[in-house]
């Protein structure tokens, strides 16, 4: 109940926001300062009809007092300070990123997801990933990713010069979405995810009500196979079964599912997204801590934002290398994977 009330209050507040609240109040104070300076200046003479007890009312000319002058200066200074602090804080400190690495992926940023109060302060849209032709070239996408990692594209070109907020989303294969998430793991800027919602085909922020999506109770598999490999499968969009997994990992993979069943865009709240990725990160921590563990295999059937957020949990000093697998619906199995390390990604060879 509290989550619903909180969501309603936040949504109502957003409708009443203005793009320039401090600028608006600062302008009002500056205009008021002009009036304050003229407060004690003027001469008024009012005459009443003869039957009134008071016949006339006079206000004689008087020089502006020091108090009114001080008040005028104070109001003007405060007004200017409000305007300056808002424009100095918001001036193009918000970045917009679209991951475009699937055939037919749109090459425009969905501006409709932005709050009208932020559009004036956003930087130009940045597109990362390699636009794929009808026949995908996985190796070309790997080269593009490693090049973007080498130049540190987020810190040097997207969030440079005091970037404070980042909108990110898009479409790519799960292994690449996780990899791009790993690029974001050390960023201090606020990150806002958007997803393409299949109910209407439009992009939207994860700003709906917190529905308390969680993992079902699952006993974590802590053993590793003879090669030092262990796996975690997360089936939110579609269920994942053992028969879909590689033979050598079927008995060494923890299969996790949602307490709300399976659906596209199951997670519609960003706070809920963070909670789930944190729990999954702890599972990966425990597996990596096993003395005989060499690699962590991930089999993910999740929405794009969740895949990116999972990638942010990658820690090169704590975790073993991740192997992120891609599912082929035609073959009903995982046909290829990439290996994620601190130096970049490569095509995984079993």
Foldseek 3Di string as FASTA:
>chain_A
DVLVVVLVVVVVVLVPDALQVLLVQLVVLLVVLVVLQCVQADWDKDADDPVDPDGIDIRDGDHGDPVSNVSSVVSNVSSVVSRVVVCVVQAALEFEEEEAAEAPWDPDGQPVQDRPSNPNRHDDYYYAFDHAHPDGDVVVRQVRQLVCVVVLCCDPPTRDDNRAEYEYFYDDFLQVLLQLLLSCLPDPHHYWYWFQDPVVRHIYTLSDGFPLKEKDDWDAQQDAFPQQEAEEEEAAQHADALVQEPPRHSNRYTYIYIPVHHHAPPRSHVVSLLVHLVVVLVSQLSNQPPPSHAEYEYHYDHTSVSSSNNSSSDDQVRGHWYWYFGADVVVSHTDWTWIDHPSGIDTDDD
